[in-house]
Protein backbone atom coordinates (compact mmCIF):
# COMPACT_ATOMS: atom_id res chain seq x y z
CA MET A 1 -0.04 -0.06 0.07
CA SER A 2 2.95 2.40 -0.38
CA TYR A 3 1.02 3.84 -3.25
CA ILE A 4 -0.06 6.62 -0.84
CA TYR A 5 3.37 7.87 -0.51
CA ALA A 6 3.61 8.02 -4.37
CA GLU A 7 0.49 10.18 -4.47
CA GLN A 8 2.05 12.55 -1.96
CA PRO A 9 -1.14 13.57 -0.20
CA GLU A 10 -1.04 17.01 1.70
CA TRP A 11 -0.31 15.38 4.99
CA THR A 12 3.16 14.02 3.61
CA LYS A 13 4.17 17.65 3.33
CA GLU A 14 3.26 18.60 6.90
CA SER A 15 6.21 19.12 9.27
CA PHE A 16 4.72 16.64 11.69
CA PHE A 17 4.98 13.79 9.22
CA GLN A 18 8.41 15.03 7.84
CA ASN A 19 9.97 15.34 11.37
CA ALA A 20 8.66 11.76 12.24
CA LEU A 21 10.66 10.21 9.28
CA GLN A 22 13.97 8.64 9.82
CA PRO A 23 16.51 10.16 7.18
CA ALA A 24 16.80 6.98 4.99
CA LEU A 25 12.92 6.76 4.78
CA ARG A 26 12.86 10.49 3.84
CA ASP A 27 15.23 9.83 1.16
CA GLN A 28 13.34 6.73 -0.10
CA LEU A 29 10.04 8.67 -0.17
CA GLY A 30 11.68 11.46 -2.11
CA ASN A 31 13.28 9.17 -4.74
CA PRO A 32 11.72 9.71 -8.15
CA THR A 33 12.52 5.96 -9.00
CA TYR A 34 10.80 4.83 -5.95
CA LEU A 35 7.83 7.00 -6.47
CA GLN A 36 7.44 5.84 -10.14
CA LYS A 37 7.69 2.28 -9.22
CA ALA A 38 4.89 2.64 -6.48
CA GLN A 39 2.68 4.60 -8.90
CA ARG A 40 3.03 2.07 -11.51
CA ASN A 41 2.35 -1.07 -9.41
CA PRO A 42 -0.51 -2.94 -11.28
CA ARG A 43 -1.88 -3.80 -7.69
CA VAL A 44 -2.64 -0.05 -6.64
CA PRO A 45 -6.25 -0.29 -7.67
CA ILE A 46 -6.67 -3.35 -5.60
CA PHE A 47 -5.04 -1.73 -2.49
CA LYS A 48 -7.25 1.41 -3.03
CA LYS A 49 -10.50 -0.73 -3.09
CA ALA A 50 -9.23 -2.63 -0.04
CA VAL A 51 -8.82 0.77 1.79
CA ALA A 52 -12.32 1.81 0.78
CA ILE A 53 -13.93 -1.41 1.82
CA ASN A 54 -12.12 -1.25 5.23
CA LYS A 55 -13.32 2.26 5.78
CA GLU A 56 -16.98 1.35 4.99
CA ASN A 57 -16.59 -1.72 7.26
CA LEU A 58 -15.32 0.18 10.16
CA LYS A 59 -18.17 2.70 10.08
CA LYS A 60 -20.69 -0.09 9.75
CA LEU A 61 -19.12 -2.09 12.60
CA TYR A 62 -18.96 0.87 14.86
CA ASP A 63 -22.53 1.93 14.14
CA ALA A 64 -23.77 -1.62 14.80
CA GLY A 65 -22.10 -1.52 18.34
CA VAL A 66 -18.90 -3.47 17.78
CA LYS A 67 -16.25 -2.53 20.39
CA VAL A 68 -13.85 -0.64 18.01
CA SER A 69 -10.46 0.30 19.43
CA PHE A 70 -7.37 1.83 18.30
CA GLY A 71 -3.73 0.80 17.38
CA THR A 72 -1.99 -1.99 15.59
CA ASP A 73 1.47 -3.42 15.92
CA SER A 74 2.15 -2.37 12.27
CA GLY A 75 0.91 1.18 12.17
CA ALA A 76 -1.86 2.54 10.23
CA ILE A 77 0.15 2.88 7.10
CA PRO A 78 2.46 0.41 5.22
CA LEU A 79 5.67 1.71 6.73
CA PRO A 80 5.09 2.37 10.42
CA ILE A 81 6.41 5.77 11.23
CA ALA A 82 6.43 5.94 15.08
CA GLY A 83 4.58 8.97 16.37
CA PHE A 84 2.86 9.46 13.10
CA ALA A 85 1.10 6.23 12.41
CA GLU A 86 -1.29 6.74 15.19
CA HIS A 87 -2.27 10.21 13.82
CA ARG A 88 -2.86 8.68 10.41
CA GLU A 89 -5.06 5.90 11.99
CA LEU A 90 -7.01 8.77 13.71
CA GLN A 91 -7.48 10.45 10.35
CA LEU A 92 -8.52 7.25 8.60
CA MET A 93 -11.13 6.52 11.36
CA VAL A 94 -12.65 10.09 10.65
CA GLU A 95 -12.41 9.52 6.89
CA SER A 96 -14.53 6.37 7.58
CA GLY A 97 -17.32 8.50 9.12
CA LEU A 98 -16.56 8.42 12.78
CA SER A 99 -16.53 11.83 14.39
CA PRO A 100 -13.22 13.19 15.65
CA LEU A 101 -14.58 12.64 19.27
CA GLN A 102 -15.39 9.02 18.32
CA ALA A 103 -11.98 8.46 16.87
CA LEU A 104 -10.25 9.83 20.10
CA GLU A 105 -12.51 7.67 22.15
CA CYS A 106 -11.35 4.75 20.29
CA ALA A 107 -7.88 5.65 21.11
CA THR A 108 -8.35 6.39 24.72
CA ALA A 109 -11.36 5.13 26.70
CA ARG A 110 -12.46 2.26 24.46
CA ALA A 111 -8.92 1.04 23.91
CA ALA A 112 -8.34 0.97 27.85
CA ALA A 113 -11.85 -0.66 28.34
CA LEU A 114 -11.07 -3.40 25.78
CA LEU A 115 -7.77 -4.05 27.44
CA GLY A 116 -9.53 -4.35 30.93
CA LEU A 117 -7.46 -1.29 32.12
CA THR A 118 -9.73 0.46 34.64
CA ASP A 119 -7.08 2.95 35.90
CA ARG A 120 -6.66 4.82 32.69
CA GLY A 121 -8.36 5.85 29.41
CA ILE A 122 -10.13 8.82 30.43
CA LEU A 123 -8.99 12.16 32.26
CA GLU A 124 -10.27 11.79 35.71
CA PRO A 125 -9.03 12.25 39.30
CA GLY A 126 -7.24 9.13 40.38
CA LYS A 127 -6.63 7.70 36.82
CA LEU A 128 -3.37 7.34 35.04
CA ALA A 129 -2.98 9.51 32.06
CA ASP A 130 -0.32 10.33 29.36
CA PHE A 131 -1.63 13.43 27.41
CA VAL A 132 -0.15 16.21 25.42
CA VAL A 133 -0.97 20.00 25.68
CA LEU A 134 -2.24 21.24 22.12
CA THR A 135 -2.67 24.54 20.81
CA ALA A 136 -5.96 23.82 19.11
CA ASN A 137 -8.94 21.57 19.50
CA PRO A 138 -8.64 18.18 17.83
CA LEU A 139 -12.42 17.95 17.59
CA ASP A 140 -12.38 20.68 15.11
CA ASP A 141 -9.74 19.35 12.94
CA ARG A 142 -7.67 16.06 13.01
CA LYS A 143 -4.48 17.99 12.24
CA ASP A 144 -4.96 19.77 15.56
CA CYS A 145 -3.85 16.59 17.15
CA CYS A 146 -0.40 17.35 15.97
CA ARG A 147 -0.14 20.94 17.14
CA LEU A 148 1.76 20.64 20.32
CA ALA A 149 2.01 23.73 22.50
CA PRO A 150 5.54 25.11 22.61
CA GLY A 151 7.25 25.75 25.86
CA LYS A 152 9.77 28.48 26.50
CA GLU A 153 12.59 27.90 28.91
CA GLY A 154 10.62 25.69 31.00
CA LYS A 155 7.64 28.27 31.22
CA TRP A 156 4.20 27.73 29.80
CA SER A 157 2.75 30.34 27.54
CA HIS A 158 -0.65 31.82 27.52
CA ARG A 159 -1.27 29.35 24.42
CA VAL A 160 -0.50 26.35 26.74
CA PHE A 161 -3.11 27.61 29.28
CA LEU A 162 -5.64 27.87 26.50
CA ALA A 163 -4.85 24.36 25.39
CA MET A 164 -5.28 23.16 28.84
CA LYS A 165 -8.80 24.54 28.78
CA ILE A 166 -9.34 22.72 25.65
CA VAL A 167 -8.10 19.60 27.22
CA ARG A 168 -10.65 20.05 29.99
CA ILE A 169 -13.41 20.67 27.67
CA LEU A 170 -12.45 17.57 25.57
CA ALA A 171 -12.28 15.44 28.76
CA ARG A 172 -15.71 16.54 29.73
CA ASN A 173 -17.10 15.93 26.39
CA MET A 174 -15.57 12.49 26.24
CA ARG A 175 -17.20 11.58 29.71
CA VAL A 176 -20.59 12.83 28.49
CA ALA A 177 -20.43 10.88 25.18
CA SER A 178 -19.13 7.85 26.96
CA HIS A 179 -22.12 7.86 29.33
CA LYS A 180 -24.43 8.13 26.37
CA ALA A 181 -23.03 5.24 24.59
């Protein structure tokens, strides 16, 4: 499925993606010979159809109440790019018809629940949490999951405090949505 790189969609030009690449992979993905070979692969239509069917199936399964979670050991794209593959998976879930909130819930609360981890998965007092501070609301745009708040000499800027407000709103929305599900 490396055809996606040969098509060079907009997200492959984003700094978040580019910074996640190892130098050798960055060179490979910029190599015209590699790109032509990937574009000319006679199986590309089959791969594209498989991705489309997978997206349709994900939405149908989710809507039918199947417990959908997040994450694989191979990444959401053919060449797993640590730190980026998870964001691509979120994007694919949203492209499948899930809302950004539903996709984030699959990556957090639902993943923890399916693994039987009752001490994490939601932002709540007494729970374990790994989270990042963002500069924008990922419920508005998947790309906002990649906009980490910059720090300056160990001090948080006003943007970080705004981002913390967004995290609190997101956490509240996730709890409300989870209780409705």
